[in-house]
Amino acid sequence: MHYWQSAEHEIDFVLDHETFLEVKGGKATALDFAWFGRTFPRARLRVVGQDRFESRTVSGTTMQEFLLEVP
């Protein structure tokens, strides 16, 4: 597993060329990751944190929901 980083942003895990995973300890919204769709137009980012949200390229889920998912 790899991570991705630029001068302004970073993503915790790159699962494959279209799937990224970010883990947040605090609150996060889709607006916090508005840059992601411009940087990776064909990819999806999953944010694991405190809140659920959904946008075209970014979705958020709680840690509990993420850990209970069946692969």
Protein backbone atom coordinates (compact mmCIF):
# COMPACT_ATOMS: atom_id res chain seq x y z
CA MET A 1 0.00 0.00 0.00
CA HIS A 2 1.19 3.47 -0.83
CA TYR A 3 0.29 7.04 0.03
CA TRP A 4 0.06 10.12 -2.19
CA GLN A 5 1.37 13.61 -1.42
CA SER A 6 1.65 16.96 -3.15
CA ALA A 7 2.83 20.33 -1.83
CA GLU A 8 -0.69 21.11 -0.53
CA HIS A 9 -2.43 17.76 0.07
CA GLU A 10 -1.89 14.16 1.05
CA ILE A 11 -3.91 10.95 0.98
CA ASP A 12 -3.21 8.22 3.52
CA PHE A 13 -3.67 5.14 1.33
CA VAL A 14 -3.64 4.48 -2.42
CA LEU A 15 -5.33 1.11 -2.89
CA ASP A 16 -5.10 1.16 -6.69
CA HIS A 17 -5.02 3.82 -9.43
CA GLU A 18 -8.74 4.59 -8.94
CA THR A 19 -9.27 3.99 -5.21
CA PHE A 20 -7.95 6.19 -2.42
CA LEU A 21 -8.58 6.08 1.33
CA GLU A 22 -8.18 8.90 3.85
CA VAL A 23 -8.55 8.49 7.62
CA LYS A 24 -9.55 11.55 9.65
CA GLY A 25 -9.65 11.81 13.44
CA GLY A 26 -11.89 14.87 13.39
CA LYS A 27 -14.70 16.22 11.29
CA ALA A 28 -14.45 16.31 7.51
CA THR A 29 -16.79 17.28 4.66
CA ALA A 30 -16.83 16.80 0.91
CA LEU A 31 -15.78 20.45 0.57
CA ASP A 32 -12.53 19.66 2.40
CA PHE A 33 -11.69 17.38 -0.53
CA ALA A 34 -13.04 19.45 -3.45
CA TRP A 35 -9.50 19.44 -4.88
CA PHE A 36 -9.55 15.62 -5.20
CA GLY A 37 -11.88 15.46 -8.21
CA ARG A 38 -9.79 18.00 -10.10
CA THR A 39 -6.57 16.14 -9.32
CA PHE A 40 -7.93 12.62 -9.91
CA PRO A 41 -11.02 12.96 -12.16
CA ARG A 42 -11.51 9.19 -12.64
CA ALA A 43 -10.79 8.12 -9.07
CA ARG A 44 -12.86 7.78 -5.90
CA LEU A 45 -11.83 8.85 -2.42
CA ARG A 46 -13.27 7.24 0.68
CA VAL A 47 -12.90 9.29 3.87
CA VAL A 48 -13.19 7.39 7.14
CA GLY A 49 -13.94 9.68 10.05
CA GLN A 50 -16.80 11.03 12.12
CA ASP A 51 -19.31 11.93 9.39
CA ARG A 52 -21.17 10.47 6.43
CA PHE A 53 -21.27 12.47 3.19
CA GLU A 54 -21.37 11.87 -0.55
CA SER A 55 -20.22 13.78 -3.62
CA ARG A 56 -19.32 12.80 -7.17
CA THR A 57 -15.78 11.70 -6.32
CA VAL A 58 -15.64 11.65 -2.51
CA SER A 59 -17.65 9.73 0.07
CA GLY A 60 -17.43 9.78 3.83
CA THR A 61 -18.25 7.05 6.30
CA THR A 62 -17.85 6.59 10.02
CA MET A 63 -15.12 4.41 11.44
CA GLN A 64 -17.70 2.02 12.89
CA GLU A 65 -19.44 1.58 9.52
CA PHE A 66 -16.11 1.09 7.76
CA LEU A 67 -14.95 -1.59 10.19
CA LEU A 68 -18.27 -3.46 9.98
CA GLU A 69 -18.27 -3.64 6.17
CA VAL A 70 -17.89 -7.05 4.60
CA PRO A 71 -15.21 -6.97 1.88
